[in-house]
């Protein structure tokens, strides 16, 4: 596979993910991903994106229930 940023070669590896959203921060340190051997940019497949998104949806819902979401 080819990196969409620099056209380098992608290898299966793990990559961190973090997001600041609605007053909270979520970090995951080792997510399965394709990582560029040149620029180190990760590419997450759909199943990894869904795995990351599910807890974010739960946090959004709980934050809204508490009146914290902004």
N, C-alpha and C. Protein backbone atom coordinates (compact mmCIF):
# COMPACT_ATOMS: atom_id res chain seq x y z
N UNK A 1 0.84 -1.18 0.00
CA UNK A 1 0.00 0.00 0.00
C UNK A 1 0.88 1.24 0.00
N UNK A 2 0.29 2.34 -0.45
CA UNK A 2 1.04 3.59 -0.60
C UNK A 2 0.45 4.68 0.28
N UNK A 3 1.30 5.43 0.95
CA UNK A 3 0.88 6.54 1.81
C UNK A 3 0.20 7.63 0.98
N UNK A 4 -0.94 8.12 1.46
CA UNK A 4 -1.64 9.17 0.72
C UNK A 4 -0.98 10.54 0.91
N UNK A 5 -0.07 10.65 1.88
CA UNK A 5 0.59 11.92 2.14
C UNK A 5 1.91 12.08 1.38
N UNK A 6 2.74 11.03 1.41
CA UNK A 6 4.08 11.17 0.82
C UNK A 6 4.39 10.09 -0.21
N UNK A 7 3.46 9.18 -0.44
CA UNK A 7 3.63 8.07 -1.38
C UNK A 7 4.63 7.02 -0.91
N UNK A 8 4.98 7.07 0.39
CA UNK A 8 5.86 6.06 0.96
C UNK A 8 5.13 4.73 1.11
N UNK A 9 5.85 3.73 1.55
CA UNK A 9 5.31 2.38 1.72
C UNK A 9 4.67 2.24 3.10
N UNK A 10 3.49 1.64 3.17
CA UNK A 10 2.80 1.40 4.43
C UNK A 10 3.08 -0.02 4.91
N UNK A 11 3.29 -0.14 6.22
CA UNK A 11 3.48 -1.44 6.86
C UNK A 11 2.48 -1.58 7.99
N UNK A 12 2.02 -2.79 8.23
CA UNK A 12 1.11 -3.05 9.34
C UNK A 12 1.88 -2.88 10.64
N UNK A 13 1.31 -2.10 11.54
CA UNK A 13 1.98 -1.79 12.81
C UNK A 13 0.92 -1.32 13.81
N UNK A 14 1.34 -0.52 14.76
CA UNK A 14 0.43 0.09 15.71
C UNK A 14 0.74 1.58 15.79
N UNK A 15 -0.30 2.37 16.06
CA UNK A 15 -0.12 3.82 16.12
C UNK A 15 -0.98 4.40 17.23
N UNK A 16 -0.52 5.49 17.83
CA UNK A 16 -1.33 6.14 18.86
C UNK A 16 -2.46 6.95 18.22
N UNK A 17 -3.48 7.22 19.02
CA UNK A 17 -4.58 8.07 18.59
C UNK A 17 -5.00 8.90 19.78
N UNK A 18 -5.20 10.20 19.58
CA UNK A 18 -5.72 11.04 20.65
C UNK A 18 -6.66 12.07 20.05
N UNK A 19 -7.62 12.50 20.88
CA UNK A 19 -8.59 13.49 20.44
C UNK A 19 -9.03 14.32 21.64
N UNK A 20 -9.15 15.62 21.43
CA UNK A 20 -9.75 16.54 22.40
C UNK A 20 -11.13 16.88 21.87
N UNK A 21 -12.16 16.61 22.68
CA UNK A 21 -13.51 16.76 22.14
C UNK A 21 -14.50 17.00 23.28
N UNK A 22 -15.32 18.02 23.14
CA UNK A 22 -16.42 18.29 24.08
C UNK A 22 -15.96 18.30 25.54
N UNK A 23 -14.78 18.84 25.78
CA UNK A 23 -14.32 18.96 27.15
C UNK A 23 -13.60 17.75 27.72
N UNK A 24 -13.34 16.76 26.92
CA UNK A 24 -12.59 15.61 27.40
C UNK A 24 -11.52 15.23 26.38
N UNK A 25 -10.55 14.47 26.84
CA UNK A 25 -9.47 14.00 25.98
C UNK A 25 -9.40 12.48 26.08
N UNK A 26 -9.26 11.84 24.92
CA UNK A 26 -9.14 10.39 24.86
C UNK A 26 -7.83 10.06 24.15
N UNK A 27 -7.08 9.15 24.74
CA UNK A 27 -5.83 8.68 24.14
C UNK A 27 -5.82 7.16 24.14
N UNK A 28 -5.43 6.64 23.01
CA UNK A 28 -5.20 5.19 22.89
C UNK A 28 -3.77 5.06 22.36
N UNK A 29 -2.98 4.27 23.01
CA UNK A 29 -1.55 4.25 22.70
C UNK A 29 -1.12 3.29 21.60
N UNK A 30 -1.86 2.24 21.36
CA UNK A 30 -1.42 1.25 20.37
C UNK A 30 -2.62 0.69 19.61
N UNK A 31 -2.99 1.36 18.55
CA UNK A 31 -4.09 0.93 17.70
C UNK A 31 -3.54 0.26 16.45
N UNK A 32 -4.11 -0.85 16.04
CA UNK A 32 -3.67 -1.46 14.78
C UNK A 32 -3.84 -0.45 13.64
N UNK A 33 -2.83 -0.33 12.80
CA UNK A 33 -2.87 0.64 11.71
C UNK A 33 -1.83 0.28 10.65
N UNK A 34 -2.00 0.89 9.51
CA UNK A 34 -0.95 0.90 8.49
C UNK A 34 -0.16 2.17 8.74
N UNK A 35 1.16 2.06 8.88
CA UNK A 35 2.00 3.20 9.20
C UNK A 35 3.04 3.38 8.09
N UNK A 36 3.19 4.62 7.63
CA UNK A 36 4.14 4.92 6.56
C UNK A 36 5.57 4.78 7.06
N UNK A 37 6.39 4.11 6.27
CA UNK A 37 7.80 3.93 6.64
C UNK A 37 8.61 5.21 6.44
N UNK A 38 8.07 6.20 5.70
CA UNK A 38 8.78 7.46 5.47
C UNK A 38 8.34 8.56 6.43
N UNK A 39 7.04 8.89 6.42
CA UNK A 39 6.55 10.02 7.22
C UNK A 39 5.87 9.60 8.52
N UNK A 40 5.68 8.30 8.71
CA UNK A 40 5.11 7.72 9.93
C UNK A 40 3.64 8.07 10.16
N UNK A 41 2.97 8.56 9.13
CA UNK A 41 1.55 8.86 9.22
C UNK A 41 0.76 7.55 9.28
N UNK A 42 -0.17 7.42 10.25
CA UNK A 42 -0.97 6.19 10.33
C UNK A 42 -2.19 6.25 9.42
N UNK A 43 -2.60 5.10 8.97
CA UNK A 43 -3.85 4.94 8.22
C UNK A 43 -4.63 3.84 8.93
N UNK A 44 -5.79 4.21 9.46
CA UNK A 44 -6.62 3.25 10.17
C UNK A 44 -7.67 2.68 9.24
N UNK A 45 -7.85 1.37 9.30
CA UNK A 45 -8.90 0.72 8.51
C UNK A 45 -10.25 0.95 9.18
N UNK A 46 -11.32 0.68 8.46
CA UNK A 46 -12.68 0.95 8.94
C UNK A 46 -12.96 0.26 10.27
N UNK A 47 -12.52 -0.96 10.45
CA UNK A 47 -12.81 -1.66 11.72
C UNK A 47 -12.11 -0.99 12.90
N UNK A 48 -10.90 -0.45 12.69
CA UNK A 48 -10.21 0.25 13.77
C UNK A 48 -10.89 1.59 14.06
N UNK A 49 -11.36 2.27 13.02
CA UNK A 49 -12.07 3.53 13.21
C UNK A 49 -13.34 3.28 14.02
N UNK A 50 -14.06 2.23 13.71
CA UNK A 50 -15.27 1.89 14.45
C UNK A 50 -14.93 1.56 15.90
N UNK A 51 -13.84 0.83 16.13
CA UNK A 51 -13.40 0.47 17.47
C UNK A 51 -13.07 1.73 18.29
N UNK A 52 -12.48 2.73 17.64
CA UNK A 52 -12.17 4.01 18.29
C UNK A 52 -13.45 4.82 18.50
N UNK A 53 -14.34 4.81 17.52
CA UNK A 53 -15.54 5.65 17.55
C UNK A 53 -16.56 5.23 18.60
N UNK A 54 -16.70 3.94 18.84
CA UNK A 54 -17.72 3.47 19.78
C UNK A 54 -17.59 4.09 21.18
N UNK A 55 -16.43 4.06 21.81
CA UNK A 55 -16.34 4.70 23.14
C UNK A 55 -16.52 6.22 23.07
N UNK A 56 -16.12 6.85 21.95
CA UNK A 56 -16.33 8.29 21.81
C UNK A 56 -17.82 8.61 21.79
N UNK A 57 -18.61 7.80 21.08
CA UNK A 57 -20.05 8.00 21.05
C UNK A 57 -20.65 7.87 22.44
N UNK A 58 -20.18 6.90 23.21
CA UNK A 58 -20.65 6.71 24.58
C UNK A 58 -20.30 7.92 25.44
N UNK A 59 -19.06 8.40 25.34
CA UNK A 59 -18.65 9.58 26.10
C UNK A 59 -19.46 10.81 25.71
N UNK A 60 -19.72 10.99 24.42
CA UNK A 60 -20.54 12.12 23.97
C UNK A 60 -21.94 12.06 24.59
N UNK A 61 -22.53 10.88 24.56
CA UNK A 61 -23.88 10.69 25.10
C UNK A 61 -23.89 10.97 26.61
N UNK A 62 -22.92 10.42 27.33
CA UNK A 62 -22.86 10.63 28.78
C UNK A 62 -22.58 12.09 29.12
N UNK A 63 -21.72 12.73 28.36
CA UNK A 63 -21.43 14.16 28.59
C UNK A 63 -22.68 15.00 28.37
N UNK A 64 -23.46 14.68 27.34
CA UNK A 64 -24.68 15.41 27.06
C UNK A 64 -25.69 15.22 28.19
N UNK A 65 -25.79 14.00 28.72
CA UNK A 65 -26.70 13.72 29.83
C UNK A 65 -26.32 14.51 31.09
N UNK A 66 -25.02 14.71 31.26
CA UNK A 66 -24.54 15.47 32.43
C UNK A 66 -24.58 16.98 32.19
N UNK A 67 -24.86 17.37 30.96
CA UNK A 67 -24.88 18.79 30.63
C UNK A 67 -23.50 19.37 30.45
N UNK A 68 -22.51 18.53 30.15
CA UNK A 68 -21.12 18.97 30.01
C UNK A 68 -20.78 19.29 28.56
N UNK A 69 -21.45 18.64 27.62
CA UNK A 69 -21.12 18.81 26.20
C UNK A 69 -21.30 20.25 25.79
N UNK A 70 -20.38 20.69 24.92
CA UNK A 70 -20.46 22.09 24.52
C UNK A 70 -20.44 22.33 23.10
